[in-house]
C-alpha atoms as a PDB file:
ATOM      1  CA  UNK A   1     -88.925  15.722  49.780  1.00  0.00           C
ATOM      2  CA  UNK A   2     -90.811  16.294  46.041  1.00  0.00           C
ATOM      3  CA  UNK A   3     -94.034  15.818  47.821  1.00  0.00           C
ATOM      4  CA  UNK A   4     -93.240  17.797  51.597  1.00  0.00           C
ATOM      5  CA  UNK A   5     -92.386  20.578  49.184  1.00  0.00           C
ATOM      6  CA  UNK A   6     -95.380  20.558  46.941  1.00  0.00           C
ATOM      7  CA  UNK A   7     -97.153  20.517  50.055  1.00  0.00           C
ATOM      8  CA  UNK A   8     -96.082  23.646  51.487  1.00  0.00           C
ATOM      9  CA  UNK A   9     -95.784  25.698  48.586  1.00  0.00           C
ATOM     10  CA  UNK A  10     -99.437  24.199  48.149  1.00  0.00           C
ATOM     11  CA  UNK A  11    -100.310  25.867  52.252  1.00  0.00           C
ATOM     12  CA  UNK A  12     -98.478  29.435  50.825  1.00  0.00           C
ATOM     13  CA  UNK A  13    -100.504  29.397  46.790  1.00  0.00           C
ATOM     14  CA  UNK A  14     -98.112  28.824  44.649  1.00  0.00           C
ATOM     15  CA  UNK A  15     -99.176  26.040  42.555  1.00  0.00           C
ATOM     16  CA  UNK A  16     -96.424  26.580  40.113  1.00  0.00           C
ATOM     17  CA  UNK A  17     -93.843  22.945  40.503  1.00  0.00           C
ATOM     18  CA  UNK A  18     -90.483  24.475  41.467  1.00  0.00           C
ATOM     19  CA  UNK A  19     -87.748  21.008  42.883  1.00  0.00           C
ATOM     20  CA  UNK A  20     -85.970  20.523  45.601  1.00  0.00           C
ATOM     21  CA  UNK A  21     -83.271  20.922  42.356  1.00  0.00           C
ATOM     22  CA  UNK A  22     -84.306  24.207  41.739  1.00  0.00           C
ATOM     23  CA  UNK A  23     -84.788  25.774  44.960  1.00  0.00           C
ATOM     24  CA  UNK A  24     -80.913  24.577  45.710  1.00  0.00           C
ATOM     25  CA  UNK A  25     -80.250  26.481  42.034  1.00  0.00           C
ATOM     26  CA  UNK A  26     -81.801  29.544  43.537  1.00  0.00           C
ATOM     27  CA  UNK A  27     -79.953  29.466  46.196  1.00  0.00           C
ATOM     28  CA  UNK A  28     -76.098  28.258  45.474  1.00  0.00           C
ATOM     29  CA  UNK A  29     -77.016  31.338  42.165  1.00  0.00           C
ATOM     30  CA  UNK A  30     -77.952  34.116  45.323  1.00  0.00           C
ATOM     31  CA  UNK A  31     -75.065  33.201  47.923  1.00  0.00           C
ATOM     32  CA  UNK A  32     -73.056  33.782  44.953  1.00  0.00           C
ATOM     33  CA  UNK A  33     -73.899  37.188  43.228  1.00  0.00           C
ATOM     34  CA  UNK A  34     -74.221  38.422  46.695  1.00  0.00           C
ATOM     35  CA  UNK A  35     -70.154  37.683  47.343  1.00  0.00           C
ATOM     36  CA  UNK A  36     -70.571  34.236  49.751  1.00  0.00           C
ATOM     37  CA  UNK A  37     -67.319  31.615  48.669  1.00  0.00           C
ATOM     38  CA  UNK A  38     -67.397  29.525  46.074  1.00  0.00           C
ATOM     39  CA  UNK A  39     -65.620  27.517  48.175  1.00  0.00           C
ATOM     40  CA  UNK A  40     -68.894  27.954  50.841  1.00  0.00           C
ATOM     41  CA  UNK A  41     -71.652  27.163  48.393  1.00  0.00           C
ATOM     42  CA  UNK A  42     -69.811  23.785  47.265  1.00  0.00           C
ATOM     43  CA  UNK A  43     -70.084  22.621  50.817  1.00  0.00           C
ATOM     44  CA  UNK A  44     -73.713  23.636  51.082  1.00  0.00           C
ATOM     45  CA  UNK A  45     -74.484  22.315  48.356  1.00  0.00           C
ATOM     46  CA  UNK A  46     -73.124  18.898  49.068  1.00  0.00           C
ATOM     47  CA  UNK A  47     -69.882  18.651  46.011  1.00  0.00           C
ATOM     48  CA  UNK A  48     -67.324  16.716  46.668  1.00  0.00           C
ATOM     49  CA  UNK A  49     -65.150  19.300  43.753  1.00  0.00           C
ATOM     50  CA  UNK A  50     -65.067  22.211  44.280  1.00  0.00           C
ATOM     51  CA  UNK A  51     -64.604  22.814  40.345  1.00  0.00           C
ATOM     52  CA  UNK A  52     -68.559  21.741  39.817  1.00  0.00           C
ATOM     53  CA  UNK A  53     -69.876  23.884  42.097  1.00  0.00           C
ATOM     54  CA  UNK A  54     -68.089  26.637  39.724  1.00  0.00           C
ATOM     55  CA  UNK A  55     -68.283  25.225  36.604  1.00  0.00           C
ATOM     56  CA  UNK A  56     -72.075  24.809  36.872  1.00  0.00           C
ATOM     57  CA  UNK A  57     -72.183  28.133  38.504  1.00  0.00           C
ATOM     58  CA  UNK A  58     -69.437  31.046  37.531  1.00  0.00           C
ATOM     59  CA  UNK A  59     -71.957  31.622  34.343  1.00  0.00           C
ATOM     60  CA  UNK A  60     -74.392  33.263  36.392  1.00  0.00           C
ATOM     61  CA  UNK A  61     -73.751  36.157  36.366  1.00  0.00           C
ATOM     62  CA  UNK A  62     -71.482  38.210  33.972  1.00  0.00           C
ATOM     63  CA  UNK A  63     -70.411  40.821  36.045  1.00  0.00           C
ATOM     64  CA  UNK A  64     -68.618  38.506  38.851  1.00  0.00           C
ATOM     65  CA  UNK A  65     -66.220  37.891  36.195  1.00  0.00           C
ATOM     66  CA  UNK A  66     -66.004  41.843  35.948  1.00  0.00           C
ATOM     67  CA  UNK A  67     -65.905  42.559  39.503  1.00  0.00           C
ATOM     68  CA  UNK A  68     -63.329  40.557  39.593  1.00  0.00           C
ATOM     69  CA  UNK A  69     -60.916  41.346  36.925  1.00  0.00           C
ATOM     70  CA  UNK A  70     -60.784  45.154  38.679  1.00  0.00           C
ATOM     71  CA  UNK A  71     -60.291  43.855  41.610  1.00  0.00           C
ATOM     72  CA  UNK A  72     -57.411  41.908  40.142  1.00  0.00           C
ATOM     73  CA  UNK A  73     -56.347  45.193  38.502  1.00  0.00           C
ATOM     74  CA  UNK A  74     -56.561  47.082  41.916  1.00  0.00           C
ATOM     75  CA  UNK A  75     -54.580  44.570  43.758  1.00  0.00           C
ATOM     76  CA  UNK A  76     -51.672  44.837  40.675  1.00  0.00           C
ATOM     77  CA  UNK A  77     -51.507  48.374  40.099  1.00  0.00           C
ATOM     78  CA  UNK A  78     -47.925  49.554  40.818  1.00  0.00           C
ATOM     79  CA  UNK A  79     -47.530  53.198  41.690  1.00  0.00           C
ATOM     80  CA  UNK A  80     -45.268  55.044  39.449  1.00  0.00           C
ATOM     81  CA  UNK A  81     -41.268  55.232  39.727  1.00  0.00           C
ATOM     82  CA  UNK A  82     -40.247  58.959  40.737  1.00  0.00           C
ATOM     83  CA  UNK A  83     -37.907  60.193  38.422  1.00  0.00           C
ATOM     84  CA  UNK A  84     -35.085  62.335  40.049  1.00  0.00           C
ATOM     85  CA  UNK A  85     -34.708  66.209  39.615  1.00  0.00           C
ATOM     86  CA  UNK A  86     -32.551  66.956  37.772  1.00  0.00           C
END
C-alpha cells in the first residue's frame, strides 16, 4: 500500500514522504473538526472501540471543546421564573 501511495505521490510531483497512516490521521482530524460524529470516524478508521478514536483525536481541536461547552450551556439554560406582581 505504501508503495502504491509513493508512486501516486510521485506522479503528481509530491516528493514528501507520506504514509497511509498519515493520510488516515489527517482524514480523521478533518472529519472531527467538520463536526462528523466520533462514532462515524471510528468506523471510518476501523477502530474496534470508540474510546480509542476519541483518545487519539479529541485533543486536536480545543475549539471543539469550547463549542461543546457552549452548546451544553444553551441546552441547560432555564428560563428565569417569573415573579408574581404584588
